[in-house]
Structures are given as C-alpha cells and as structure tokens.
Amino acid sequence: MNIVRYARLRAGLTQEQLAKKVRISQPALARIESGRIAPRIDTIDRLLRACGMSLQPVPLAGTGIDRSTIRRMLTRSPRERLRIAAQEARNLDTLKPRRRP
C-alpha cells in the first residue's frame, strides 16, 4: 500500500479532506496514491504531516550494528560483563517455549 494512502486512511481522512489541508487537487492526490506520478519529497512530507505522521530515515531491520551497546559494555570490567551475560542467559531461558510431556 502506498505510504500516503496508508497515512491518510490511518488519519481517517478522505482524499478530498487531505487535498484541501495541503492545498493540492484531489485528482493529484489520487494520482500520487495510485503511483501514477512520483511526487517530490517535500510534497510527501507535507501530506504525511497533515496526517499526523512524519518522514524519517530509519535503518532497515536487520541491517547495521548498534555499536553504542558494545561501547557501553566495553567500559565495564570483565567480571561485570560476565555477570550481565549470565543474567541475560537466565532471561533467555524464561523465553524458551516449554515442551509438553
């Protein structure tokens, strides 16, 4: 589904209502939502903001590494890191599904 259409529907707006809010024609909005035209990024931003959403760059799930946690852990002593690892292992054990006998 087109992101503009998704935002509009989530905001509970009709095409006509959203078009009036951002001062574009309803047919132009229909063409944007259908993918017949590719709007400029500032137009998409205006449309999303009118729906109470924003356009923000977000890393794709599963890509990149958050090194802040690694840096934070390296400031701790080896003993403290081992204690935290053991605690996290216990936490993971509680998440494992239990087998039925």
C-alpha atoms as a PDB file:
ATOM      1  CA  MET A   1       0.000   0.000   0.000  1.00  0.00           C
ATOM      2  CA  ASN A   2       1.189   3.490  -0.820  1.00  0.00           C
ATOM      3  CA  ILE A   3       2.564   5.304   2.248  1.00  0.00           C
ATOM      4  CA  VAL A   4       0.466   8.414   1.589  1.00  0.00           C
ATOM      5  CA  ARG A   5      -2.711   6.365   1.301  1.00  0.00           C
ATOM      6  CA  TYR A   6      -1.800   4.435   4.446  1.00  0.00           C
ATOM      7  CA  ALA A   7      -1.249   7.676   6.386  1.00  0.00           C
ATOM      8  CA  ARG A   8      -4.478   9.194   5.065  1.00  0.00           C
ATOM      9  CA  LEU A   9      -6.573   6.169   5.982  1.00  0.00           C
ATOM     10  CA  ARG A  10      -4.932   5.935   9.397  1.00  0.00           C
ATOM     11  CA  ALA A  11      -5.760   9.605   9.991  1.00  0.00           C
ATOM     12  CA  GLY A  12      -9.361   8.948   8.952  1.00  0.00           C
ATOM     13  CA  LEU A  13      -9.297  11.469   6.130  1.00  0.00           C
ATOM     14  CA  THR A  14     -10.838  11.325   2.685  1.00  0.00           C
ATOM     15  CA  GLN A  15      -8.760  12.242  -0.338  1.00  0.00           C
ATOM     16  CA  GLU A  16     -10.711  15.470  -0.607  1.00  0.00           C
ATOM     17  CA  GLN A  17     -10.057  16.403   3.038  1.00  0.00           C
ATOM     18  CA  LEU A  18      -6.327  15.708   2.808  1.00  0.00           C
ATOM     19  CA  ALA A  19      -6.025  17.508  -0.516  1.00  0.00           C
ATOM     20  CA  LYS A  20      -7.653  20.619   0.980  1.00  0.00           C
ATOM     21  CA  LYS A  21      -5.333  20.504   4.016  1.00  0.00           C
ATOM     22  CA  VAL A  22      -2.207  20.555   1.859  1.00  0.00           C
ATOM     23  CA  ARG A  23      -3.690  22.669  -0.925  1.00  0.00           C
ATOM     24  CA  ILE A  24      -3.400  20.261  -3.816  1.00  0.00           C
ATOM     25  CA  SER A  25      -6.183  18.957  -6.010  1.00  0.00           C
ATOM     26  CA  GLN A  26      -7.960  15.727  -5.143  1.00  0.00           C
ATOM     27  CA  PRO A  27      -7.148  14.241  -8.578  1.00  0.00           C
ATOM     28  CA  ALA A  28      -3.449  14.986  -7.985  1.00  0.00           C
ATOM     29  CA  LEU A  29      -3.642  13.207  -4.630  1.00  0.00           C
ATOM     30  CA  ALA A  30      -5.371  10.260  -6.313  1.00  0.00           C
ATOM     31  CA  ARG A  31      -2.527  10.041  -8.860  1.00  0.00           C
ATOM     32  CA  ILE A  32       0.060  10.125  -6.036  1.00  0.00           C
ATOM     33  CA  GLU A  33      -1.737   7.371  -4.121  1.00  0.00           C
ATOM     34  CA  SER A  34      -2.122   5.189  -7.204  1.00  0.00           C
ATOM     35  CA  GLY A  35       1.553   5.559  -8.104  1.00  0.00           C
ATOM     36  CA  ARG A  36       0.830   7.163 -11.462  1.00  0.00           C
ATOM     37  CA  ILE A  37       3.016  10.122 -10.507  1.00  0.00           C
ATOM     38  CA  ALA A  38       6.064  10.330  -8.259  1.00  0.00           C
ATOM     39  CA  PRO A  39       5.761  13.421  -6.063  1.00  0.00           C
ATOM     40  CA  ARG A  40       8.669  15.456  -4.760  1.00  0.00           C
ATOM     41  CA  ILE A  41       9.895  14.563  -1.296  1.00  0.00           C
ATOM     42  CA  ASP A  42       8.623  17.841   0.171  1.00  0.00           C
ATOM     43  CA  THR A  43       5.132  17.032  -1.140  1.00  0.00           C
ATOM     44  CA  ILE A  44       5.202  13.621   0.515  1.00  0.00           C
ATOM     45  CA  ASP A  45       6.423  15.268   3.720  1.00  0.00           C
ATOM     46  CA  ARG A  46       3.542  17.782   3.652  1.00  0.00           C
ATOM     47  CA  LEU A  47       0.997  15.040   3.023  1.00  0.00           C
ATOM     48  CA  LEU A  48       2.311  12.864   5.836  1.00  0.00           C
ATOM     49  CA  ARG A  49       2.481  15.758   8.300  1.00  0.00           C
ATOM     50  CA  ALA A  50      -1.134  16.660   7.507  1.00  0.00           C
ATOM     51  CA  CYS A  51      -1.971  13.080   8.553  1.00  0.00           C
ATOM     52  CA  GLY A  52      -0.021  13.382  11.812  1.00  0.00           C
ATOM     53  CA  MET A  53       2.973  11.402  10.577  1.00  0.00           C
ATOM     54  CA  SER A  54       6.496  12.267   9.538  1.00  0.00           C
ATOM     55  CA  LEU A  55       9.002  11.111   7.004  1.00  0.00           C
ATOM     56  CA  GLN A  56      12.145   9.983   8.814  1.00  0.00           C
ATOM     57  CA  PRO A  57      15.042   7.832   7.660  1.00  0.00           C
ATOM     58  CA  VAL A  58      15.121   4.617   9.673  1.00  0.00           C
ATOM     59  CA  PRO A  59      17.629   1.813   9.224  1.00  0.00           C
ATOM     60  CA  LEU A  60      16.170  -1.322   7.713  1.00  0.00           C
ATOM     61  CA  ALA A  61      15.556  -4.060  10.221  1.00  0.00           C
ATOM     62  CA  GLY A  62      18.424  -6.486  10.388  1.00  0.00           C
ATOM     63  CA  THR A  63      20.990  -4.175   8.820  1.00  0.00           C
ATOM     64  CA  GLY A  64      23.813  -2.388  10.518  1.00  0.00           C
ATOM     65  CA  ILE A  65      25.160  -2.763  14.015  1.00  0.00           C
ATOM     66  CA  ASP A  66      24.322  -0.627  17.022  1.00  0.00           C
ATOM     67  CA  ARG A  67      27.814  -0.107  18.373  1.00  0.00           C
ATOM     68  CA  SER A  68      26.646   2.030  21.290  1.00  0.00           C
ATOM     69  CA  THR A  69      25.787  -1.064  23.345  1.00  0.00           C
ATOM     70  CA  ILE A  70      29.151  -2.623  22.514  1.00  0.00           C
ATOM     71  CA  ARG A  71      30.981   0.550  23.583  1.00  0.00           C
ATOM     72  CA  ARG A  72      28.973   0.715  26.788  1.00  0.00           C
ATOM     73  CA  MET A  73      29.759  -2.910  27.622  1.00  0.00           C
ATOM     74  CA  LEU A  74      33.475  -2.405  26.992  1.00  0.00           C
ATOM     75  CA  THR A  75      33.579   0.271  29.710  1.00  0.00           C
ATOM     76  CA  ARG A  76      32.654  -2.431  32.252  1.00  0.00           C
ATOM     77  CA  SER A  77      35.088  -4.834  33.859  1.00  0.00           C
ATOM     78  CA  PRO A  78      35.323  -8.403  32.524  1.00  0.00           C
ATOM     79  CA  ARG A  79      33.717  -9.646  35.754  1.00  0.00           C
ATOM     80  CA  GLU A  80      30.760  -7.255  35.326  1.00  0.00           C
ATOM     81  CA  ARG A  81      30.318  -8.258  31.669  1.00  0.00           C
ATOM     82  CA  LEU A  82      30.269 -11.924  32.700  1.00  0.00           C
ATOM     83  CA  ARG A  83      27.661 -11.216  35.391  1.00  0.00           C
ATOM     84  CA  ILE A  84      25.457  -9.400  32.852  1.00  0.00           C
ATOM     85  CA  ALA A  85      25.872 -12.218  30.301  1.00  0.00           C
ATOM     86  CA  ALA A  86      24.819 -14.797  32.876  1.00  0.00           C
ATOM     87  CA  GLN A  87      21.767 -12.727  33.802  1.00  0.00           C
ATOM     88  CA  GLU A  88      20.791 -12.340  30.147  1.00  0.00           C
ATOM     89  CA  ALA A  89      21.160 -16.107  29.644  1.00  0.00           C
ATOM     90  CA  ARG A  90      18.730 -16.674  32.520  1.00  0.00           C
ATOM     91  CA  ASN A  91      16.339 -14.197  30.907  1.00  0.00           C
ATOM     92  CA  LEU A  92      16.522 -16.089  27.604  1.00  0.00           C
ATOM     93  CA  ASP A  93      15.762 -19.362  29.359  1.00  0.00           C
ATOM     94  CA  THR A  94      12.475 -17.903  30.575  1.00  0.00           C
ATOM     95  CA  LEU A  95      11.506 -17.075  26.975  1.00  0.00           C
ATOM     96  CA  LYS A  96      12.004 -20.591  25.614  1.00  0.00           C
ATOM     97  CA  PRO A  97       8.719 -22.371  24.917  1.00  0.00           C
ATOM     98  CA  ARG A  98       8.131 -25.210  27.309  1.00  0.00           C
ATOM     99  CA  ARG A  99       7.846 -28.662  25.850  1.00  0.00           C
ATOM    100  CA  ARG A 100       4.742 -30.622  26.612  1.00  0.00           C
ATOM    101  CA  PRO A 101       5.349 -34.103  28.025  1.00  0.00           C
END
